[in-house]
């Protein structure tokens, strides 16, 4: 893809986002929405930076939906895993999972997704037994 094509497709996607954020948690939501573009382009460093910015904004806003934080933690864990930071990815997945389990009612598909991601992390790290346990839990949560 040429730089012009990338710019054009990115610009088209970004225009679908809210034109401006009026509250800090809106700003975080806009940031997270834009991360998908960066991730799709393979720009993991930029995507990671934006997820961390969004989490900083969320941390200052206790009334923010915990589900949004859990999703951002899960996605940041995926980036950490892709970058080979296994211990960090494991911690982020577990924090995301704990938040998702605390939600009432629990979004079961989200819990299953994070359990699956955690299983993939353990599988890629050679811990097949733990990966199998996590996959069974993911199936039960679905």
N, C-alpha and C. Protein backbone atom coordinates (compact mmCIF):
# COMPACT_ATOMS: atom_id res chain seq x y z
N UNK A 1 0.86 -1.17 0.00
CA UNK A 1 0.00 0.00 0.00
C UNK A 1 0.90 1.23 0.00
N UNK A 2 0.58 2.16 -0.85
CA UNK A 2 1.39 3.38 -0.91
C UNK A 2 1.05 4.29 0.26
N UNK A 3 1.95 5.24 0.54
CA UNK A 3 1.71 6.18 1.63
C UNK A 3 0.44 6.98 1.38
N UNK A 4 0.20 7.31 0.10
CA UNK A 4 -1.01 8.06 -0.23
C UNK A 4 -2.25 7.23 0.05
N UNK A 5 -2.21 5.96 -0.35
CA UNK A 5 -3.37 5.09 -0.11
C UNK A 5 -3.61 4.91 1.37
N UNK A 6 -2.53 4.74 2.13
CA UNK A 6 -2.68 4.57 3.58
C UNK A 6 -3.27 5.82 4.21
N UNK A 7 -2.81 6.97 3.76
CA UNK A 7 -3.34 8.23 4.30
C UNK A 7 -4.80 8.38 3.94
N UNK A 8 -5.14 8.06 2.70
CA UNK A 8 -6.52 8.20 2.27
C UNK A 8 -7.43 7.26 3.04
N UNK A 9 -7.04 5.98 3.17
CA UNK A 9 -7.92 5.06 3.87
C UNK A 9 -8.00 5.39 5.34
N UNK A 10 -6.91 5.85 5.94
CA UNK A 10 -6.94 6.24 7.35
C UNK A 10 -7.84 7.43 7.55
N UNK A 11 -7.74 8.41 6.66
CA UNK A 11 -8.56 9.61 6.79
C UNK A 11 -10.04 9.28 6.67
N UNK A 12 -10.37 8.38 5.76
CA UNK A 12 -11.77 8.00 5.58
C UNK A 12 -12.30 7.34 6.84
N UNK A 13 -11.51 6.48 7.45
CA UNK A 13 -11.96 5.78 8.65
C UNK A 13 -12.07 6.72 9.83
N UNK A 14 -11.14 7.65 9.94
CA UNK A 14 -11.13 8.55 11.08
C UNK A 14 -12.31 9.50 11.04
N UNK A 15 -12.81 9.87 9.86
CA UNK A 15 -13.92 10.81 9.79
C UNK A 15 -15.19 10.22 10.39
N UNK A 16 -15.25 8.90 10.53
CA UNK A 16 -16.43 8.27 11.13
C UNK A 16 -16.44 8.43 12.65
N UNK A 17 -15.33 8.86 13.22
CA UNK A 17 -15.24 9.06 14.66
C UNK A 17 -15.86 10.39 15.05
N UNK A 18 -16.18 10.53 16.32
CA UNK A 18 -16.69 11.83 16.77
C UNK A 18 -15.70 12.93 16.43
N UNK A 19 -16.19 14.11 15.98
CA UNK A 19 -15.29 15.16 15.54
C UNK A 19 -14.39 15.70 16.64
N UNK A 20 -14.85 15.68 17.88
CA UNK A 20 -14.00 16.13 18.98
C UNK A 20 -14.54 15.53 20.27
N UNK A 21 -13.66 15.44 21.20
CA UNK A 21 -14.04 14.90 22.50
C UNK A 21 -14.36 16.05 23.42
N UNK A 22 -15.48 15.94 24.10
CA UNK A 22 -15.89 17.01 25.00
C UNK A 22 -15.59 16.69 26.45
N UNK A 23 -15.37 15.42 26.78
CA UNK A 23 -15.02 15.00 28.14
C UNK A 23 -13.80 14.10 28.06
N UNK A 24 -13.02 13.99 29.15
CA UNK A 24 -11.83 13.13 29.11
C UNK A 24 -12.12 11.69 28.73
N UNK A 25 -13.23 11.10 29.20
CA UNK A 25 -13.50 9.72 28.82
C UNK A 25 -13.89 9.61 27.35
N UNK A 26 -14.47 10.69 26.77
CA UNK A 26 -14.70 10.72 25.33
C UNK A 26 -13.37 10.71 24.59
N UNK A 27 -12.40 11.46 25.09
CA UNK A 27 -11.08 11.50 24.47
C UNK A 27 -10.47 10.11 24.46
N UNK A 28 -10.58 9.39 25.55
CA UNK A 28 -10.05 8.04 25.62
C UNK A 28 -10.75 7.14 24.61
N UNK A 29 -12.06 7.27 24.48
CA UNK A 29 -12.81 6.45 23.53
C UNK A 29 -12.37 6.74 22.10
N UNK A 30 -12.13 8.01 21.79
CA UNK A 30 -11.65 8.37 20.45
C UNK A 30 -10.27 7.77 20.21
N UNK A 31 -9.40 7.87 21.21
CA UNK A 31 -8.07 7.28 21.08
C UNK A 31 -8.15 5.78 20.81
N UNK A 32 -8.96 5.09 21.59
CA UNK A 32 -9.08 3.64 21.44
C UNK A 32 -9.64 3.29 20.06
N UNK A 33 -10.59 4.05 19.58
CA UNK A 33 -11.16 3.78 18.26
C UNK A 33 -10.11 3.93 17.16
N UNK A 34 -9.20 4.85 17.32
CA UNK A 34 -8.16 5.07 16.31
C UNK A 34 -7.07 4.02 16.36
N UNK A 35 -6.94 3.34 17.48
CA UNK A 35 -5.89 2.33 17.62
C UNK A 35 -6.09 1.21 16.60
N UNK A 36 -7.31 0.88 16.28
CA UNK A 36 -7.58 -0.19 15.32
C UNK A 36 -6.88 0.08 14.00
N UNK A 37 -6.85 1.33 13.59
CA UNK A 37 -6.16 1.68 12.35
C UNK A 37 -4.67 1.41 12.46
N UNK A 38 -4.09 1.83 13.55
CA UNK A 38 -2.66 1.64 13.75
C UNK A 38 -2.31 0.17 13.84
N UNK A 39 -3.11 -0.57 14.57
CA UNK A 39 -2.89 -2.00 14.74
C UNK A 39 -2.97 -2.71 13.38
N UNK A 40 -3.98 -2.37 12.60
CA UNK A 40 -4.16 -2.98 11.27
C UNK A 40 -2.98 -2.67 10.35
N UNK A 41 -2.35 -1.54 10.58
CA UNK A 41 -1.19 -1.15 9.77
C UNK A 41 0.12 -1.72 10.32
N UNK A 42 0.02 -2.46 11.44
CA UNK A 42 1.21 -3.06 12.03
C UNK A 42 2.05 -2.08 12.82
N UNK A 43 1.48 -0.95 13.20
CA UNK A 43 2.20 0.08 13.96
C UNK A 43 1.99 -0.15 15.45
N UNK A 44 2.60 -1.23 15.96
CA UNK A 44 2.35 -1.65 17.34
C UNK A 44 2.85 -0.65 18.36
N UNK A 45 3.99 0.00 18.10
CA UNK A 45 4.51 0.98 19.07
C UNK A 45 3.53 2.14 19.24
N UNK A 46 3.00 2.63 18.13
CA UNK A 46 2.03 3.74 18.20
C UNK A 46 0.74 3.28 18.86
N UNK A 47 0.27 2.07 18.52
CA UNK A 47 -0.95 1.53 19.12
C UNK A 47 -0.77 1.36 20.63
N UNK A 48 0.38 0.84 21.04
CA UNK A 48 0.64 0.65 22.47
C UNK A 48 0.63 1.98 23.20
N UNK A 49 1.25 2.98 22.62
CA UNK A 49 1.29 4.30 23.24
C UNK A 49 -0.11 4.87 23.45
N UNK A 50 -0.95 4.70 22.47
CA UNK A 50 -2.32 5.23 22.56
C UNK A 50 -3.14 4.46 23.60
N UNK A 51 -2.99 3.13 23.63
CA UNK A 51 -3.70 2.38 24.68
C UNK A 51 -3.27 2.84 26.06
N UNK A 52 -1.98 3.08 26.23
CA UNK A 52 -1.50 3.54 27.54
C UNK A 52 -2.05 4.93 27.88
N UNK A 53 -2.13 5.81 26.88
CA UNK A 53 -2.73 7.13 27.10
C UNK A 53 -4.19 7.00 27.51
N UNK A 54 -4.92 6.13 26.82
CA UNK A 54 -6.34 5.93 27.13
C UNK A 54 -6.50 5.39 28.54
N UNK A 55 -5.66 4.44 28.93
CA UNK A 55 -5.74 3.89 30.29
C UNK A 55 -5.42 4.94 31.34
N UNK A 56 -4.48 5.84 31.03
CA UNK A 56 -4.19 6.95 31.95
C UNK A 56 -5.41 7.85 32.12
N UNK A 57 -6.09 8.13 31.02
CA UNK A 57 -7.31 8.95 31.09
C UNK A 57 -8.38 8.23 31.90
N UNK A 58 -8.58 6.95 31.61
CA UNK A 58 -9.57 6.17 32.34
C UNK A 58 -9.26 6.13 33.84
N UNK A 59 -7.98 6.03 34.19
CA UNK A 59 -7.58 5.95 35.61
C UNK A 59 -7.97 7.21 36.37
N UNK A 60 -8.03 8.33 35.69
CA UNK A 60 -8.40 9.60 36.34
C UNK A 60 -9.91 9.80 36.37
N UNK A 61 -10.65 8.89 35.78
CA UNK A 61 -12.11 9.00 35.70
C UNK A 61 -12.75 7.75 36.28
N UNK A 62 -12.91 7.68 37.60
CA UNK A 62 -13.42 6.45 38.21
C UNK A 62 -14.82 6.05 37.74
N UNK A 63 -15.59 6.99 37.20
CA UNK A 63 -16.94 6.65 36.77
C UNK A 63 -16.96 6.04 35.37
N UNK A 64 -15.81 5.95 34.72
CA UNK A 64 -15.74 5.36 33.39
C UNK A 64 -16.15 3.89 33.48
N UNK A 65 -16.83 3.44 32.48
CA UNK A 65 -17.27 2.04 32.45
C UNK A 65 -16.05 1.13 32.55
N UNK A 66 -16.09 0.26 33.54
CA UNK A 66 -14.98 -0.67 33.75
C UNK A 66 -14.80 -1.59 32.55
N UNK A 67 -15.86 -1.82 31.81
CA UNK A 67 -15.74 -2.66 30.61
C UNK A 67 -14.79 -2.02 29.61
N UNK A 68 -14.85 -0.71 29.44
CA UNK A 68 -13.94 -0.02 28.52
C UNK A 68 -12.49 -0.22 28.94
N UNK A 69 -12.25 -0.14 30.24
CA UNK A 69 -10.89 -0.34 30.75
C UNK A 69 -10.46 -1.79 30.50
N UNK A 70 -11.34 -2.73 30.78
CA UNK A 70 -11.01 -4.15 30.59
C UNK A 70 -10.68 -4.45 29.13
N UNK A 71 -11.43 -3.87 28.21
CA UNK A 71 -11.17 -4.08 26.78
C UNK A 71 -9.81 -3.48 26.40
N UNK A 72 -9.52 -2.28 26.89
CA UNK A 72 -8.23 -1.66 26.59
C UNK A 72 -7.07 -2.48 27.17
N UNK A 73 -7.25 -3.03 28.38
CA UNK A 73 -6.22 -3.88 28.97
C UNK A 73 -6.00 -5.14 28.13
N UNK A 74 -7.08 -5.76 27.67
CA UNK A 74 -6.99 -6.94 26.83
C UNK A 74 -6.23 -6.63 25.54
N UNK A 75 -6.55 -5.52 24.92
CA UNK A 75 -5.92 -5.17 23.65
C UNK A 75 -4.45 -4.79 23.84
N UNK A 76 -4.14 -4.12 24.94
CA UNK A 76 -2.75 -3.81 25.26
C UNK A 76 -1.97 -5.10 25.52
N UNK A 77 -2.61 -6.08 26.15
CA UNK A 77 -1.98 -7.38 26.38
C UNK A 77 -1.64 -8.06 25.05
N UNK A 78 -2.53 -7.95 24.07
CA UNK A 78 -2.26 -8.54 22.76
C UNK A 78 -1.02 -7.93 22.14
N UNK A 79 -0.87 -6.62 22.28
CA UNK A 79 0.32 -5.95 21.74
C UNK A 79 1.57 -6.40 22.49
N UNK A 80 1.48 -6.47 23.82
CA UNK A 80 2.63 -6.93 24.61
C UNK A 80 3.03 -8.34 24.20
N UNK A 81 2.05 -9.19 23.98
CA UNK A 81 2.33 -10.57 23.54
C UNK A 81 3.02 -10.55 22.18
N UNK A 82 2.51 -9.76 21.26
CA UNK A 82 3.10 -9.67 19.92
C UNK A 82 4.54 -9.18 19.98
N UNK A 83 4.84 -8.37 20.98
CA UNK A 83 6.20 -7.83 21.13
C UNK A 83 7.09 -8.74 21.97
N UNK A 84 6.56 -9.89 22.40
CA UNK A 84 7.36 -10.85 23.13
C UNK A 84 7.48 -10.59 24.63
N UNK A 85 6.68 -9.69 25.15
CA UNK A 85 6.71 -9.38 26.59
C UNK A 85 5.64 -10.24 27.28
N UNK A 86 6.00 -11.51 27.48
CA UNK A 86 5.05 -12.52 27.95
C UNK A 86 4.53 -12.22 29.35
N UNK A 87 5.42 -11.89 30.28
CA UNK A 87 4.99 -11.64 31.67
C UNK A 87 4.05 -10.43 31.73
N UNK A 88 4.37 -9.39 30.99
CA UNK A 88 3.50 -8.21 30.98
C UNK A 88 2.14 -8.55 30.36
N UNK A 89 2.16 -9.29 29.26
CA UNK A 89 0.90 -9.69 28.61
C UNK A 89 0.05 -10.52 29.56
N UNK A 90 0.68 -11.45 30.25
CA UNK A 90 -0.05 -12.30 31.20
C UNK A 90 -0.72 -11.43 32.28
N UNK A 91 0.01 -10.50 32.84
CA UNK A 91 -0.53 -9.61 33.87
C UNK A 91 -1.70 -8.78 33.33
N UNK A 92 -1.54 -8.23 32.14
CA UNK A 92 -2.61 -7.41 31.55
C UNK A 92 -3.86 -8.23 31.25
N UNK A 93 -3.67 -9.44 30.69
CA UNK A 93 -4.82 -10.31 30.44
C UNK A 93 -5.55 -10.65 31.74
N UNK A 94 -4.79 -10.95 32.79
CA UNK A 94 -5.41 -11.32 34.07
C UNK A 94 -6.14 -10.13 34.70
N UNK A 95 -5.60 -8.93 34.58
CA UNK A 95 -6.29 -7.74 35.08
C UNK A 95 -7.59 -7.52 34.31
N UNK A 96 -7.53 -7.67 32.99
CA UNK A 96 -8.72 -7.53 32.15
C UNK A 96 -9.77 -8.57 32.54
N UNK A 97 -9.33 -9.80 32.71
CA UNK A 97 -10.23 -10.89 33.07
C UNK A 97 -10.90 -10.64 34.42
N UNK A 98 -10.13 -10.18 35.40
CA UNK A 98 -10.69 -9.89 36.72
C UNK A 98 -11.76 -8.81 36.64
N UNK A 99 -11.50 -7.76 35.86
CA UNK A 99 -12.50 -6.69 35.71
C UNK A 99 -13.76 -7.22 35.03
N UNK A 100 -13.57 -7.99 33.97
CA UNK A 100 -14.72 -8.52 33.24
C UNK A 100 -15.57 -9.43 34.13
N UNK A 101 -14.92 -10.23 34.96
CA UNK A 101 -15.65 -11.13 35.85
C UNK A 101 -16.41 -10.36 36.92
N UNK A 102 -15.91 -9.18 37.30
CA UNK A 102 -16.58 -8.37 38.32
C UNK A 102 -17.81 -7.64 37.79
N UNK A 103 -17.92 -7.52 36.47
CA UNK A 103 -19.04 -6.79 35.88
C UNK A 103 -20.33 -7.56 36.08
N UNK A 104 -21.38 -6.83 36.38
CA UNK A 104 -22.69 -7.44 36.53
C UNK A 104 -23.64 -6.84 35.52
N UNK A 105 -24.27 -7.56 34.67
CA UNK A 105 -24.01 -8.97 34.40
C UNK A 105 -22.73 -9.11 33.57
N UNK A 106 -22.05 -10.18 33.75
CA UNK A 106 -20.78 -10.41 33.05
C UNK A 106 -21.03 -10.59 31.56
N UNK A 107 -20.29 -9.86 30.74
CA UNK A 107 -20.37 -10.11 29.29
C UNK A 107 -19.59 -11.39 28.98
N UNK A 108 -20.27 -12.48 28.91
CA UNK A 108 -19.62 -13.79 28.83
C UNK A 108 -18.73 -13.94 27.62
N UNK A 109 -19.11 -13.39 26.49
CA UNK A 109 -18.27 -13.49 25.30
C UNK A 109 -16.93 -12.79 25.54
N UNK A 110 -16.95 -11.67 26.24
CA UNK A 110 -15.71 -10.95 26.54
C UNK A 110 -14.82 -11.77 27.47
N UNK A 111 -15.41 -12.42 28.45
CA UNK A 111 -14.64 -13.26 29.36
C UNK A 111 -14.01 -14.41 28.58
N UNK A 112 -14.78 -15.03 27.71
CA UNK A 112 -14.29 -16.13 26.90
C UNK A 112 -13.14 -15.67 26.00
N UNK A 113 -13.26 -14.50 25.42
CA UNK A 113 -12.21 -13.96 24.54
C UNK A 113 -10.91 -13.77 25.30
N UNK A 114 -10.98 -13.18 26.48
CA UNK A 114 -9.76 -12.94 27.25
C UNK A 114 -9.15 -14.26 27.73
N UNK A 115 -9.98 -15.21 28.14
CA UNK A 115 -9.46 -16.53 28.52
C UNK A 115 -8.77 -17.20 27.32
N UNK A 116 -9.37 -17.08 26.16
CA UNK A 116 -8.76 -17.62 24.94
C UNK A 116 -7.41 -16.95 24.66
N UNK A 117 -7.36 -15.64 24.75
CA UNK A 117 -6.12 -14.92 24.50
C UNK A 117 -5.03 -15.34 25.49
N UNK A 118 -5.42 -15.51 26.74
CA UNK A 118 -4.48 -15.95 27.77
C UNK A 118 -4.00 -17.37 27.47
N UNK A 119 -4.89 -18.22 26.98
CA UNK A 119 -4.50 -19.59 26.60
C UNK A 119 -3.50 -19.57 25.44
N UNK A 120 -3.74 -18.72 24.47
CA UNK A 120 -2.81 -18.60 23.33
C UNK A 120 -1.44 -18.14 23.82
N UNK A 121 -1.42 -17.21 24.75
CA UNK A 121 -0.16 -16.74 25.32
C UNK A 121 0.60 -17.90 25.97
N UNK A 122 -0.10 -18.70 26.79
CA UNK A 122 0.55 -19.82 27.46
C UNK A 122 0.99 -20.89 26.46
N UNK A 123 0.17 -21.14 25.46
CA UNK A 123 0.53 -22.11 24.42
C UNK A 123 1.80 -21.68 23.69
N UNK A 124 1.88 -20.42 23.33
CA UNK A 124 3.06 -19.93 22.60
C UNK A 124 4.31 -19.92 23.47
N UNK A 125 4.09 -19.94 24.79
CA UNK A 125 5.21 -19.97 25.72
C UNK A 125 5.56 -21.40 26.15
N UNK A 126 4.87 -22.40 25.56
CA UNK A 126 5.18 -23.79 25.82
C UNK A 126 4.47 -24.40 27.01
N UNK A 127 3.58 -23.65 27.66
CA UNK A 127 2.85 -24.18 28.81
C UNK A 127 1.52 -24.75 28.32
N UNK A 128 1.61 -25.95 27.72
CA UNK A 128 0.44 -26.56 27.08
C UNK A 128 -0.64 -26.96 28.09
N UNK A 129 -0.22 -27.39 29.27
CA UNK A 129 -1.19 -27.79 30.30
C UNK A 129 -2.05 -26.61 30.74
N UNK A 130 -1.42 -25.49 31.04
CA UNK A 130 -2.17 -24.29 31.45
C UNK A 130 -3.02 -23.78 30.29
N UNK A 131 -2.48 -23.84 29.08
CA UNK A 131 -3.24 -23.40 27.91
C UNK A 131 -4.52 -24.23 27.76
N UNK A 132 -4.40 -25.53 27.97
CA UNK A 132 -5.58 -26.40 27.88
C UNK A 132 -6.61 -26.07 28.92
N UNK A 133 -6.17 -25.82 30.16
CA UNK A 133 -7.11 -25.43 31.23
C UNK A 133 -7.83 -24.14 30.87
N UNK A 134 -7.07 -23.18 30.38
CA UNK A 134 -7.67 -21.89 30.04
C UNK A 134 -8.65 -22.02 28.87
N UNK A 135 -8.32 -22.83 27.89
CA UNK A 135 -9.24 -23.04 26.76
C UNK A 135 -10.54 -23.70 27.22
N UNK A 136 -10.43 -24.66 28.14
CA UNK A 136 -11.66 -25.28 28.67
C UNK A 136 -12.52 -24.23 29.39
N UNK A 137 -11.88 -23.37 30.17
CA UNK A 137 -12.62 -22.30 30.85
C UNK A 137 -13.25 -21.34 29.84
N UNK A 138 -12.52 -21.06 28.76
CA UNK A 138 -13.06 -20.18 27.72
C UNK A 138 -14.32 -20.77 27.10
N UNK A 139 -14.29 -22.08 26.85
CA UNK A 139 -15.47 -22.74 26.28
C UNK A 139 -16.65 -22.72 27.25
N UNK A 140 -16.36 -22.91 28.53
CA UNK A 140 -17.43 -22.89 29.53
C UNK A 140 -18.02 -21.48 29.69
N UNK A 141 -17.20 -20.46 29.49
CA UNK A 141 -17.67 -19.08 29.67
C UNK A 141 -18.49 -18.59 28.48
N UNK A 142 -18.31 -19.24 27.33
CA UNK A 142 -18.99 -18.78 26.11
C UNK A 142 -20.49 -19.00 26.17
